[in-house]
Amino acid sequence: MNNSKKNAKELSGKIIKKLADGYLHADANSATCMIFYQPKAPKELNKFKVRK
């Protein structure tokens, strides 16, 4: 019984770590955090973009 609880804890810890790493990776590669609202940019800002 003890061994199965330990295995379940280890497995859930690995899953949580993978989810957190995935979220942080996606968040770091986006312009803003996924949780917060990002307003629309004005069209005048398009002239400053590198790619159009």
Foldseek 3Di string as FASTA:
>chain_A
DVVVVVVVVVVVVVVVVVVVVVQVVVQVPDPHRPVDDDDDDDPVCVVVDPPD
